Structure formats: C-alpha cells, structure tokens
Amino acid sequence: MIRALIVEDETAAAVNLRAILRETAPDVEIVATLESVTESVDYLRAHPQPDLLFMDIHLADGDSFRIFDAVEIVAPVIFTTAYDRYALDAFKVSGIDYLLKPLNGADVRRAIDKFRRLTGSERHDYGARVQAMASGREETFLVHVRDRIIPLHRDKIAYCYTSNEKVTACDFDGESYPLDRTLETLQSLLPQSDFFRANRQFIISRRAVRDIVVWFGSRLALSLQVPTPERIIISKARVPEFKAWLRSVRPAE
C-alpha cells in the first residue's frame, strides 16, 4: 500500500484526483487532503511522512514551496498545476514529476508507475532533490506573474527590495518580479559571495554596484546599475563588513 498525501486548495481538483487514484491506482491510500501551507506544515510536523505527496504549486496562503522552508520533506513529490509546460522547465532539471490540470487518468497512472519503479534509496534521493529545489538551493526562483510562472535565475537579480510586506526582485534589464519569500528567507538562500544584505529594505548583487558615495555620518550611499525605488544606505556600523565583502574574491564555480 502506498500512503499518499494531497495538498490542494481547489475542492473540485482534490475530488477529481481522489477519483482518478481510486480507478487507476487502488493500492494508493490517501491519508489526508490539506488545503493550505499552514495546514500542511502543521500536519507534517504532527504525523509520519507519507510515501508520496501530490502537491499543488500555488495555494491560497502562498507558494507551496514555503512548506519546505518549515519542514524537511524526504518523500517524492508530484506537483500539480494549471500552468503550461514552458513554465515548468525548471522542474525538469531536478527530475521532478508534475501533472497538468485538469488531471486525467493516463497522466496520473504514468506518475504513479514512475514512483513504483523507484528503489528505496532512489525515493529518498528524489525527495532530497525536491527539498533542495524548493528550499531555493537551486539557482532558479519561480515567480508567479498573473497566469504564468517565470523561472528567474539568481544571476539575473540586481537587487531584492521589500516594502509594505511585499518583496520584489529587479533584474539587470530593470524588470521587476514579485517574490513569495521574505527578505530574511532570501538572505539565507542567495549565496553570500554574490549578494549582500545592505539594510532592512535591500539585498544587492555584487555585479549591480556601480559606485559608492561617502554619506553623512560616515555612512555609504550606493548607486546600482539599475534604478532603485529609494536610496540605498549602508550604516556606519556595517561599512567595514560591506567593504570586505566587496573586496573579496568571488569563488570559482
């Protein structure tokens, strides 16, 4: 028996998946159906992990990848989404399986068969790859823009900015993208060799720094290669750390 967990905030989609599994994979036992990031984190902290997860990407209370920030998931994950295949190219590099909505029996059967072919160690490795990608240790962030998911490579990010509890990334072309992460989370995910937490509002890329001006009170004012919504100021206390970071040699890839 395969113990599976469904994370899906659309009732009709969850009911459809259950029906398809009953018909195509009767040996799959659904242990629970969860509708939000919060509910999923609480459940996974309180219960043994299932053998397999079906997980919608975009939930009502945020990106489902937030679940991985709070809980270490070792089981393989099959993502479900309404977005097209172009938007899901980022998943392919990590070997993650996915189902496009509306779900159908053939696709579900294919995904389950792929899971069955995995050995015990492969299932663990598969889950680890999902955890690594979802936690941002991969090089690409998935940005939701209206009806699309856009892969945003970290090397394209000039800076990240927070205002009114919303976080935005700006690339070197001056394009802005909303990120479903806090600045604190991004600080832990972006490599310190390339990115610096300038202040409460900004994380900046090393390549984006154009020039530096000595500001009032021995602070520094930064200008970047692209416009910013406000002046970036480095406090006097953080000036030595910033200068050391800027002088440091970027590690070889």
Protein backbone atom coordinates (compact mmCIF):
# COMPACT_ATOMS: atom_id res chain seq x y z
CA MET A 1 0.00 0.00 0.00
CA ILE A 2 1.29 3.47 -0.94
CA ARG A 3 0.41 6.14 1.61
CA ALA A 4 -0.16 9.44 -0.21
CA LEU A 5 -0.91 12.99 0.91
CA ILE A 6 -2.79 15.51 -1.24
CA VAL A 7 -2.07 19.23 -0.84
CA GLU A 8 -4.68 21.05 -2.93
CA ASP A 9 -6.82 24.12 -2.21
CA GLU A 10 -9.32 23.54 -5.03
CA THR A 11 -12.01 21.15 -3.78
CA ALA A 12 -13.02 20.02 -7.26
CA ALA A 13 -9.41 19.26 -8.21
CA ALA A 14 -8.86 17.26 -4.99
CA VAL A 15 -12.06 15.26 -5.53
CA ASN A 16 -11.05 14.58 -9.14
CA LEU A 17 -7.59 13.36 -8.11
CA ARG A 18 -9.07 11.06 -5.48
CA ALA A 19 -11.47 9.57 -8.03
CA ILE A 20 -8.70 9.02 -10.57
CA LEU A 21 -6.49 7.33 -7.96
CA ARG A 22 -9.31 5.00 -6.90
CA GLU A 23 -9.70 3.91 -10.51
CA THR A 24 -6.08 3.81 -11.71
CA ALA A 25 -4.15 3.03 -8.52
CA PRO A 26 -6.33 1.29 -5.91
CA ASP A 27 -3.24 0.48 -3.84
CA VAL A 28 -2.78 4.22 -3.09
CA GLU A 29 -4.24 5.20 0.28
CA ILE A 30 -4.94 8.92 0.73
CA VAL A 31 -4.02 9.66 4.35
CA ALA A 32 -5.19 13.29 4.25
CA THR A 33 -6.16 16.16 1.95
CA LEU A 34 -4.80 19.56 3.02
CA GLU A 35 -5.69 22.96 1.62
CA SER A 36 -3.01 25.43 2.72
CA VAL A 37 0.64 25.97 3.57
CA THR A 38 -0.18 26.40 7.26
CA GLU A 39 -2.33 23.29 7.45
CA SER A 40 0.29 21.23 5.60
CA VAL A 41 3.13 22.34 7.88
CA ASP A 42 1.07 21.55 11.00
CA TYR A 43 0.11 18.12 9.65
CA LEU A 44 3.62 17.13 8.57
CA ARG A 45 5.05 18.17 11.93
CA ALA A 46 2.50 16.03 13.79
CA HIS A 47 2.33 12.91 11.61
CA PRO A 48 4.71 10.44 9.99
CA GLN A 49 5.56 11.45 6.46
CA PRO A 50 3.69 9.67 3.67
CA ASP A 51 5.33 7.67 0.90
CA LEU A 52 4.27 10.17 -1.75
CA LEU A 53 2.86 13.70 -1.97
CA PHE A 54 0.61 15.25 -4.59
CA MET A 55 1.13 19.00 -4.19
CA ASP A 56 -0.47 21.96 -5.94
CA ILE A 57 2.11 24.68 -6.57
CA HIS A 58 0.07 27.77 -5.77
CA LEU A 59 -2.08 27.62 -2.62
CA ALA A 60 -4.45 30.22 -1.19
CA ASP A 61 -1.98 31.31 1.52
CA GLY A 62 1.16 31.28 -0.59
CA ASP A 63 3.60 29.30 -2.68
CA SER A 64 3.64 25.62 -1.66
CA PHE A 65 7.44 25.81 -1.54
CA ARG A 66 7.00 27.59 1.80
CA ILE A 67 6.15 24.17 3.24
CA PHE A 68 9.72 23.07 2.54
CA ASP A 69 11.05 26.08 4.44
CA ALA A 70 9.34 24.82 7.59
CA VAL A 71 9.50 21.02 7.26
CA GLU A 72 12.12 18.69 5.83
CA ILE A 73 10.28 16.50 3.34
CA VAL A 74 12.01 13.28 2.34
CA ALA A 75 9.22 11.74 0.24
CA PRO A 76 8.98 12.21 -3.54
CA VAL A 77 6.57 14.93 -4.65
CA ILE A 78 4.37 15.02 -7.74
CA PHE A 79 3.41 18.62 -8.39
CA THR A 80 0.06 19.56 -9.92
CA THR A 81 -0.52 22.85 -11.68
CA ALA A 82 -2.67 24.66 -14.20
CA TYR A 83 0.37 26.31 -15.83
CA ASP A 84 1.79 25.26 -19.18
CA ARG A 85 4.86 23.17 -19.87
CA TYR A 86 7.09 26.14 -20.66
CA ALA A 87 6.60 27.40 -17.13
CA LEU A 88 7.62 24.04 -15.74
CA ASP A 89 11.02 23.73 -17.42
CA ALA A 90 12.63 24.47 -14.06
CA PHE A 91 11.18 21.27 -12.63
CA LYS A 92 12.65 19.04 -15.33
CA VAL A 93 16.24 19.74 -14.35
CA SER A 94 15.56 18.35 -10.88
CA GLY A 95 13.78 15.25 -12.16
CA ILE A 96 10.52 16.34 -10.53
CA ASP A 97 7.35 14.87 -11.98
CA TYR A 98 4.29 17.02 -12.48
CA LEU A 99 0.68 16.81 -13.64
CA LEU A 100 -1.09 19.49 -15.63
CA LYS A 101 -4.66 20.37 -14.69
CA PRO A 102 -7.25 19.25 -15.49
CA LEU A 103 -5.82 15.90 -14.41
CA ASN A 104 -6.51 12.76 -16.37
CA GLY A 105 -6.11 9.08 -15.67
CA ALA A 106 -3.28 8.47 -18.13
CA ASP A 107 -1.03 11.15 -16.62
CA VAL A 108 -1.74 10.05 -13.06
CA ARG A 109 -1.03 6.42 -13.96
CA ARG A 110 2.25 7.42 -15.60
CA ALA A 111 3.34 9.36 -12.50
CA ILE A 112 2.41 6.51 -10.14
CA ASP A 113 4.21 3.97 -12.34
CA LYS A 114 7.31 6.17 -12.25
CA PHE A 115 7.10 6.24 -8.46
CA ARG A 116 6.74 2.45 -8.26
CA ARG A 117 9.90 1.96 -10.32
CA LEU A 118 11.99 3.90 -7.81
CA THR A 119 14.02 1.88 -5.32
CA GLY A 120 14.03 2.84 -1.64
CA SER A 121 17.27 4.80 -1.95
CA GLU A 122 16.09 6.46 -5.16
CA ARG A 123 12.90 7.60 -3.44
CA HIS A 124 14.95 9.22 -0.70
CA ASP A 125 17.27 10.87 -3.23
CA TYR A 126 14.27 12.03 -5.23
CA GLY A 127 12.76 13.63 -2.15
CA ALA A 128 16.07 15.29 -1.30
CA ARG A 129 16.24 16.84 -4.78
CA VAL A 130 12.74 18.23 -4.34
CA GLN A 131 13.65 19.64 -0.92
CA ALA A 132 16.79 21.26 -2.31
CA MET A 133 14.99 22.84 -5.26
CA ALA A 134 12.03 24.04 -3.23
CA SER A 135 14.22 25.48 -0.50
CA GLY A 136 15.93 27.65 -3.09
CA ARG A 137 19.30 25.91 -3.08
CA GLU A 138 18.78 25.54 -6.82
CA GLU A 139 19.76 28.56 -8.86
CA THR A 140 16.27 29.43 -10.11
CA PHE A 141 13.30 31.05 -8.37
CA LEU A 142 9.77 30.52 -9.69
CA VAL A 143 7.89 33.80 -9.99
CA HIS A 144 4.10 33.92 -10.31
CA VAL A 145 3.01 36.68 -12.70
CA ARG A 146 -0.71 36.62 -13.46
CA ASP A 147 -1.34 33.30 -15.28
CA ARG A 148 2.33 32.38 -15.74
CA ILE A 149 5.26 31.02 -13.75
CA ILE A 150 8.54 32.63 -14.81
CA PRO A 151 11.88 30.99 -13.92
CA LEU A 152 14.18 33.74 -12.60
CA HIS A 153 17.85 32.75 -12.38
CA ARG A 154 19.62 34.27 -9.40
CA ASP A 155 22.44 35.62 -11.63
CA LYS A 156 19.86 37.88 -13.30
CA ILE A 157 18.89 39.51 -9.98
CA ALA A 158 20.34 43.01 -9.45
CA TYR A 159 18.59 43.55 -6.12
CA CYS A 160 15.70 42.46 -3.93
CA TYR A 161 13.57 45.06 -2.18
CA THR A 162 10.87 44.95 0.47
CA SER A 163 8.12 47.50 1.06
CA ASN A 164 4.73 47.15 2.76
CA GLU A 165 5.49 43.46 3.44
CA LYS A 166 5.89 42.78 -0.30
CA VAL A 167 9.19 41.59 -1.76
CA THR A 168 10.27 42.39 -5.31
CA ALA A 169 13.29 41.27 -7.32
CA CYS A 170 14.66 43.53 -10.04
CA ASP A 171 16.83 42.14 -12.83
CA PHE A 172 19.61 43.84 -14.80
CA ASP A 173 17.12 44.83 -17.51
CA GLY A 174 15.12 46.81 -14.96
CA GLU A 175 12.22 44.32 -14.92
CA SER A 176 10.54 43.70 -11.55
CA TYR A 177 9.16 40.37 -10.27
CA PRO A 178 7.11 39.67 -7.12
CA LEU A 179 8.67 37.03 -4.86
CA ASP A 180 6.72 34.91 -2.41
CA ARG A 181 9.60 34.95 0.10
CA THR A 182 10.63 37.26 2.90
CA LEU A 183 13.87 39.19 2.58
CA GLU A 184 15.19 37.17 5.52
CA THR A 185 14.50 33.91 3.67
CA LEU A 186 16.14 35.24 0.51
CA GLN A 187 19.18 36.27 2.50
CA SER A 188 19.64 32.65 3.59
CA LEU A 189 19.07 31.29 0.07
CA LEU A 190 21.21 33.62 -2.02
CA PRO A 191 24.98 32.97 -1.94
CA GLN A 192 26.78 35.42 0.36
CA SER A 193 29.67 35.66 -2.09
CA ASP A 194 27.37 37.33 -4.62
CA PHE A 195 24.68 39.07 -2.54
CA PHE A 196 24.80 41.43 0.44
CA ARG A 197 22.05 42.49 2.84
CA ALA A 198 22.56 46.25 2.61
CA ASN A 199 19.85 47.23 5.07
CA ARG A 200 16.31 46.32 6.08
CA GLN A 201 14.97 47.10 2.61
CA PHE A 202 17.62 45.78 0.20
CA ILE A 203 19.67 42.76 -0.77
CA ILE A 204 22.07 43.73 -3.57
CA SER A 205 24.10 41.84 -6.12
CA ARG A 206 27.84 42.43 -6.28
CA ARG A 207 27.62 42.89 -10.07
CA ALA A 208 24.95 45.57 -9.66
CA VAL A 209 27.10 48.00 -7.65
CA ARG A 210 28.04 50.95 -9.90
CA ASP A 211 29.56 53.44 -7.45
CA ILE A 212 29.72 54.37 -3.77
CA VAL A 213 29.49 57.78 -2.15
CA VAL A 214 30.56 58.63 1.40
CA TRP A 215 27.35 59.82 3.04
CA PHE A 216 26.57 61.80 6.17
CA GLY A 217 27.74 60.26 9.46
CA SER A 218 30.37 58.03 7.80
CA ARG A 219 27.67 56.03 6.05
CA LEU A 220 27.80 54.92 2.43
CA ALA A 221 25.28 55.61 -0.33
CA LEU A 222 25.20 53.09 -3.18
CA SER A 223 24.24 53.54 -6.81
CA LEU A 224 23.35 50.42 -8.77
CA GLN A 225 23.39 49.63 -12.47
CA VAL A 226 19.58 49.86 -12.46
CA PRO A 227 17.24 52.39 -10.81
CA THR A 228 16.09 51.67 -7.25
CA PRO A 229 12.88 52.83 -5.52
CA GLU A 230 14.89 54.63 -2.84
CA ARG A 231 18.49 55.45 -1.96
CA ILE A 232 20.49 52.51 -0.61
CA ILE A 233 22.36 53.47 2.56
CA ILE A 234 24.93 51.32 4.38
CA SER A 235 25.05 52.18 8.08
CA LYS A 236 28.35 53.23 9.68
CA ALA A 237 28.45 50.00 11.71
CA ARG A 238 28.19 47.86 8.57
CA VAL A 239 30.66 49.77 6.38
CA PRO A 240 33.67 47.53 7.24
CA GLU A 241 31.65 44.37 6.52
CA PHE A 242 30.40 45.78 3.23
CA LYS A 243 33.90 46.84 2.10
CA ALA A 244 35.31 43.43 2.99
CA TRP A 245 32.53 41.73 1.01
CA LEU A 246 33.08 43.98 -1.99
CA ARG A 247 36.85 43.34 -1.96
CA SER A 248 36.52 39.57 -1.54
CA VAL A 249 37.18 37.33 -4.49
CA ARG A 250 34.16 35.55 -5.89
CA PRO A 251 34.65 31.77 -5.54
CA ALA A 252 35.15 29.85 -8.77
CA GLU A 253 32.13 27.89 -9.99
